[in-house]
N, C-alpha and C. Protein backbone atom coordinates (compact mmCIF):
# COMPACT_ATOMS: atom_id res chain seq x y z
N UNK A 1 0.17 -29.52 8.46
CA UNK A 1 0.91 -29.20 9.21
C UNK A 1 -0.06 -27.47 10.46
N UNK A 2 -0.37 -27.65 11.11
CA UNK A 2 -1.70 -27.06 11.62
C UNK A 2 -1.29 -25.58 12.14
N UNK A 3 -0.76 -24.64 11.03
CA UNK A 3 -0.66 -22.72 11.22
C UNK A 3 -1.37 -22.13 12.08
N UNK A 4 -2.48 -23.02 12.87
CA UNK A 4 -2.62 -22.57 14.18
C UNK A 4 -2.67 -22.42 15.62
N UNK A 5 -1.29 -23.70 15.53
CA UNK A 5 -1.22 -24.16 16.81
C UNK A 5 -0.32 -23.12 18.13
N UNK A 6 -1.39 -23.68 18.94
CA UNK A 6 -0.06 -22.13 20.02
C UNK A 6 0.73 -23.17 20.66
N UNK A 7 1.79 -21.81 20.86
CA UNK A 7 2.97 -22.38 21.79
C UNK A 7 3.08 -21.90 22.78
N UNK A 8 4.34 -22.28 23.71
CA UNK A 8 4.43 -21.80 24.75
C UNK A 8 4.06 -20.30 25.16
N UNK A 9 3.44 -19.77 25.48
CA UNK A 9 3.15 -18.39 26.45
C UNK A 9 1.86 -18.06 25.77
N UNK A 10 0.70 -18.49 24.80
CA UNK A 10 -0.39 -18.67 24.61
C UNK A 10 -0.59 -17.75 23.06
N UNK A 11 0.73 -18.01 22.16
CA UNK A 11 0.38 -17.38 20.87
C UNK A 11 0.75 -18.41 20.00
N UNK A 12 0.05 -18.86 18.51
CA UNK A 12 0.34 -19.19 17.42
C UNK A 12 2.62 -18.76 16.94
N UNK A 13 2.32 -20.57 16.12
CA UNK A 13 3.69 -20.12 16.19
C UNK A 13 4.17 -18.65 14.80
N UNK A 14 3.13 -18.35 14.17
CA UNK A 14 3.46 -17.15 13.17
C UNK A 14 3.40 -16.50 14.13
N UNK A 15 2.43 -16.01 14.69
CA UNK A 15 2.59 -14.71 16.17
C UNK A 15 4.20 -14.45 16.53
N UNK A 16 4.70 -15.87 16.55
CA UNK A 16 6.17 -15.68 17.48
C UNK A 16 7.14 -15.08 16.64
N UNK A 17 7.29 -16.09 15.54
CA UNK A 17 7.90 -15.70 14.59
C UNK A 17 8.22 -14.39 13.74
N UNK A 18 6.75 -13.61 13.65
CA UNK A 18 6.50 -12.45 12.90
C UNK A 18 6.80 -11.46 14.24
N UNK A 19 6.52 -11.45 14.91
CA UNK A 19 6.60 -10.61 16.23
C UNK A 19 8.71 -10.59 16.85
N UNK A 20 9.00 -11.65 16.73
CA UNK A 20 10.41 -11.85 17.15
C UNK A 20 11.24 -10.52 16.44
N UNK A 21 12.03 -9.82 17.65
CA UNK A 21 12.63 -8.77 17.23
C UNK A 21 14.18 -8.78 18.18
N UNK A 22 15.25 -8.29 17.15
CA UNK A 22 16.58 -8.63 17.59
C UNK A 22 16.50 -7.41 19.41
N UNK A 23 17.50 -8.20 19.87
CA UNK A 23 17.29 -7.42 21.57
C UNK A 23 18.51 -6.79 21.19
N UNK A 24 18.79 -5.32 21.60
CA UNK A 24 19.94 -4.71 21.37
C UNK A 24 20.19 -4.14 23.39
N UNK A 25 19.31 -4.12 23.58
CA UNK A 25 19.45 -3.72 25.24
C UNK A 25 18.76 -4.73 25.86
N UNK A 26 19.73 -5.36 26.84
CA UNK A 26 19.04 -6.25 27.58
C UNK A 26 18.98 -5.76 29.09
N UNK A 27 18.20 -6.48 29.92
CA UNK A 27 18.22 -5.85 31.62
C UNK A 27 19.03 -6.91 32.06
N UNK A 28 19.96 -5.91 32.98
CA UNK A 28 20.88 -6.46 34.20
C UNK A 28 20.54 -7.69 34.96
N UNK A 29 19.20 -7.80 35.21
CA UNK A 29 19.41 -9.15 36.24
C UNK A 29 19.48 -10.68 35.33
N UNK A 30 19.97 -10.63 36.57
CA UNK A 30 20.91 -12.61 36.04
C UNK A 30 19.87 -13.45 36.13
N UNK A 31 20.09 -14.52 35.03
CA UNK A 31 19.59 -15.39 34.72
C UNK A 31 19.48 -16.99 35.16
N UNK A 32 18.43 -17.59 35.62
CA UNK A 32 18.58 -18.52 36.65
C UNK A 32 19.75 -19.37 35.54
N UNK A 33 20.06 -20.52 36.13
CA UNK A 33 21.20 -21.90 35.42
C UNK A 33 19.90 -22.58 34.71
N UNK A 34 18.80 -22.44 35.56
CA UNK A 34 18.00 -23.97 34.54
C UNK A 34 17.32 -23.18 33.46
N UNK A 35 17.09 -21.80 33.20
CA UNK A 35 16.55 -20.50 32.10
C UNK A 35 17.64 -21.08 31.01
N UNK A 36 19.14 -21.05 31.45
CA UNK A 36 20.16 -20.71 30.93
C UNK A 36 19.93 -22.42 29.99
N UNK A 37 19.85 -23.57 30.78
CA UNK A 37 19.78 -25.11 30.13
C UNK A 37 18.87 -25.29 29.47
N UNK A 38 17.42 -24.48 29.85
CA UNK A 38 16.43 -24.73 28.63
C UNK A 38 16.85 -24.04 27.31
N UNK A 39 17.45 -22.73 27.51
CA UNK A 39 17.59 -21.76 25.86
C UNK A 39 18.30 -22.74 25.24
N UNK A 40 19.33 -23.08 26.01
CA UNK A 40 20.77 -23.88 25.28
C UNK A 40 19.84 -25.24 24.59
N UNK A 41 19.39 -25.96 24.81
CA UNK A 41 18.51 -27.47 24.83
C UNK A 41 17.80 -26.85 23.77
N UNK A 42 16.75 -26.00 23.92
CA UNK A 42 15.89 -25.92 22.53
C UNK A 42 16.97 -25.17 21.30
N UNK A 43 18.04 -24.73 21.33
CA UNK A 43 18.94 -23.76 19.90
C UNK A 43 19.63 -25.08 20.26
N UNK A 44 19.88 -25.74 20.94
CA UNK A 44 20.78 -27.29 20.14
C UNK A 44 19.70 -28.24 19.20
N UNK A 45 18.42 -27.83 19.34
CA UNK A 45 17.51 -28.50 18.08
C UNK A 45 16.85 -28.09 17.43
N UNK A 46 17.81 -26.49 17.13
CA UNK A 46 17.18 -26.32 15.54
C UNK A 46 17.69 -26.46 14.87
N UNK A 47 17.30 -26.87 13.56
CA UNK A 47 17.79 -27.08 12.24
C UNK A 47 18.78 -25.98 11.81
N UNK A 48 19.95 -26.99 11.29
CA UNK A 48 20.75 -26.74 10.78
C UNK A 48 21.26 -27.03 9.45
N UNK A 49 22.28 -26.83 7.81
CA UNK A 49 22.81 -27.84 7.32
C UNK A 49 23.41 -28.43 7.42
N UNK A 50 22.99 -29.39 6.88
CA UNK A 50 23.32 -30.81 7.22
C UNK A 50 22.77 -31.68 8.19
N UNK A 51 22.40 -31.31 9.34
CA UNK A 51 22.07 -32.06 10.45
C UNK A 51 23.24 -31.91 11.35
N UNK A 52 24.69 -31.09 10.96
CA UNK A 52 25.87 -31.63 11.71
C UNK A 52 25.87 -31.19 12.83
N UNK A 53 25.11 -29.63 13.99
CA UNK A 53 24.84 -29.26 15.03
C UNK A 53 26.55 -29.56 15.68
N UNK A 54 27.31 -28.84 14.65
CA UNK A 54 28.61 -28.61 15.11
C UNK A 54 28.20 -27.15 16.17
N UNK A 55 27.85 -26.75 17.48
CA UNK A 55 27.09 -26.28 17.78
C UNK A 55 28.41 -25.37 19.00
N UNK A 56 28.60 -24.75 19.57
CA UNK A 56 29.78 -23.05 19.83
C UNK A 56 28.36 -22.39 20.77
N UNK A 57 28.25 -22.91 21.93
CA UNK A 57 27.63 -21.47 22.93
C UNK A 57 28.16 -20.99 23.85
N UNK A 58 28.57 -20.18 23.93
CA UNK A 58 29.00 -19.28 25.12
C UNK A 58 28.36 -18.39 26.17
N UNK A 59 28.35 -19.42 27.53
CA UNK A 59 27.74 -17.77 28.46
C UNK A 59 28.68 -17.33 29.46
N UNK A 60 28.17 -16.14 28.74
CA UNK A 60 28.76 -14.90 29.48
C UNK A 60 27.92 -14.90 31.01
N UNK A 61 28.34 -14.63 32.41
CA UNK A 61 28.29 -14.05 33.25
C UNK A 61 28.97 -12.79 34.09
N UNK A 62 30.08 -12.98 33.34
CA UNK A 62 30.62 -11.80 34.38
C UNK A 62 30.75 -10.72 33.56
N UNK A 63 30.45 -9.66 33.82
CA UNK A 63 29.95 -8.31 33.68
C UNK A 63 30.60 -7.60 32.74
N UNK A 64 32.30 -7.67 33.62
CA UNK A 64 33.25 -7.05 32.69
C UNK A 64 33.70 -7.82 31.26
N UNK A 65 33.42 -9.24 31.15
CA UNK A 65 33.69 -9.83 30.21
C UNK A 65 32.62 -9.52 28.95
N UNK A 66 31.18 -9.27 29.69
CA UNK A 66 30.10 -8.75 28.83
C UNK A 66 30.55 -7.82 28.02
N UNK A 67 31.00 -6.66 28.91
CA UNK A 67 31.46 -5.16 28.20
C UNK A 67 32.25 -5.46 27.64
N UNK A 68 33.66 -6.23 27.35
CA UNK A 68 34.33 -5.81 26.51
C UNK A 68 33.65 -6.65 24.90
N UNK A 69 32.76 -8.16 25.25
CA UNK A 69 32.32 -8.44 23.65
C UNK A 69 31.28 -7.21 23.08
N UNK A 70 30.66 -6.85 23.98
CA UNK A 70 29.74 -5.72 23.38
C UNK A 70 30.22 -4.86 22.93
N UNK A 71 31.76 -4.33 23.58
CA UNK A 71 32.83 -3.26 22.58
C UNK A 71 32.92 -3.94 21.20
N UNK A 72 33.51 -4.66 21.26
CA UNK A 72 34.06 -5.71 19.85
C UNK A 72 32.62 -5.75 19.05
N UNK A 73 31.22 -6.23 19.34
CA UNK A 73 30.32 -6.42 18.50
C UNK A 73 29.87 -5.24 17.92
N UNK A 74 29.95 -3.87 18.49
CA UNK A 74 29.78 -2.03 18.34
C UNK A 74 30.51 -1.98 16.64
N UNK A 75 31.89 -2.08 17.40
CA UNK A 75 32.50 -2.35 16.30
C UNK A 75 32.52 -2.63 15.16
N UNK A 76 32.38 -3.74 15.25
CA UNK A 76 32.06 -4.52 14.14
C UNK A 76 30.68 -4.12 13.49
N UNK A 77 30.01 -4.14 14.27
CA UNK A 77 28.62 -4.04 13.51
C UNK A 77 28.68 -2.09 12.96
N UNK A 78 29.22 -1.15 13.40
CA UNK A 78 29.39 -0.22 12.75
C UNK A 78 30.56 0.11 11.21
N UNK A 79 31.29 -1.00 11.72
CA UNK A 79 32.01 -1.41 10.17
C UNK A 79 31.18 -2.43 9.50
N UNK A 80 30.45 -3.11 9.55
CA UNK A 80 29.40 -3.64 9.30
C UNK A 80 28.15 -2.69 8.27
N UNK A 81 28.34 -2.05 8.99
CA UNK A 81 26.38 -0.67 8.84
C UNK A 81 27.25 0.52 7.39
N UNK A 82 28.66 0.38 7.61
CA UNK A 82 29.30 1.55 6.91
C UNK A 82 29.75 0.62 5.02
N UNK A 83 29.71 -0.47 5.55
CA UNK A 83 30.30 -1.59 4.43
C UNK A 83 29.01 -1.60 3.45
N UNK A 84 27.65 -1.58 3.95
CA UNK A 84 26.58 -2.19 2.98
C UNK A 84 25.76 -0.91 3.25
N UNK A 85 25.93 0.26 3.66
CA UNK A 85 24.47 0.98 3.80
C UNK A 85 24.55 1.59 2.60
N UNK A 86 25.44 1.73 1.50
CA UNK A 86 25.22 2.35 0.18
C UNK A 86 24.90 1.02 -0.96
N UNK A 87 24.32 0.13 -0.36
CA UNK A 87 24.09 -0.87 -1.43
C UNK A 87 22.31 -1.41 -1.33
N UNK A 88 21.78 -1.65 -2.93
CA UNK A 88 20.36 -1.21 -2.79
C UNK A 88 20.39 -2.87 -2.07
N UNK A 89 18.98 -2.91 -1.88
CA UNK A 89 17.63 -4.26 -1.62
C UNK A 89 18.59 -4.81 -2.55
N UNK A 90 18.77 -6.44 -1.57
CA UNK A 90 18.55 -7.40 -3.01
C UNK A 90 16.88 -8.13 -3.48
N UNK A 91 17.24 -7.94 -5.00
CA UNK A 91 16.34 -8.40 -5.23
C UNK A 91 14.92 -9.34 -4.76
N UNK A 92 15.58 -10.21 -4.51
CA UNK A 92 14.43 -11.56 -3.70
C UNK A 92 13.66 -10.00 -3.05
N UNK A 93 13.60 -8.73 -2.48
CA UNK A 93 12.96 -7.71 -1.35
C UNK A 93 12.52 -7.12 -2.58
N UNK A 94 12.21 -6.94 -3.89
CA UNK A 94 11.59 -6.10 -4.38
C UNK A 94 10.59 -6.66 -4.65
N UNK A 95 10.51 -8.33 -4.79
CA UNK A 95 9.28 -8.56 -5.46
C UNK A 95 7.78 -8.83 -4.76
C-alpha cells in the first residue's frame, strides 16, 4: 500500500486521517445538491460490519428542523458527558 498517496485536495491519506476533526459549528451557507450527492455516494462506500450496507442517511435542509435536531443532540451529549466524565481512560489508551 502506498502510504504517501496523494488524495483529492493535495494531501496524503494519513494527513487527511490525522487532521480530521469534529465539526461543531457549521456555516449556514446552503450546500449544493450535487455536493450532497457526492458526499452520500462516498459515505455509502465506507467499510461496515459484514458489508451489510444497511445505511440510513437523512439530509435536513430546513433550518428550523436542524435547530430542533441540534437541541436534541446537545441534550444527549450533555447526558453522555456527565455519564462518562468520571471514568478513567480505556486500558488501550494507556499503552
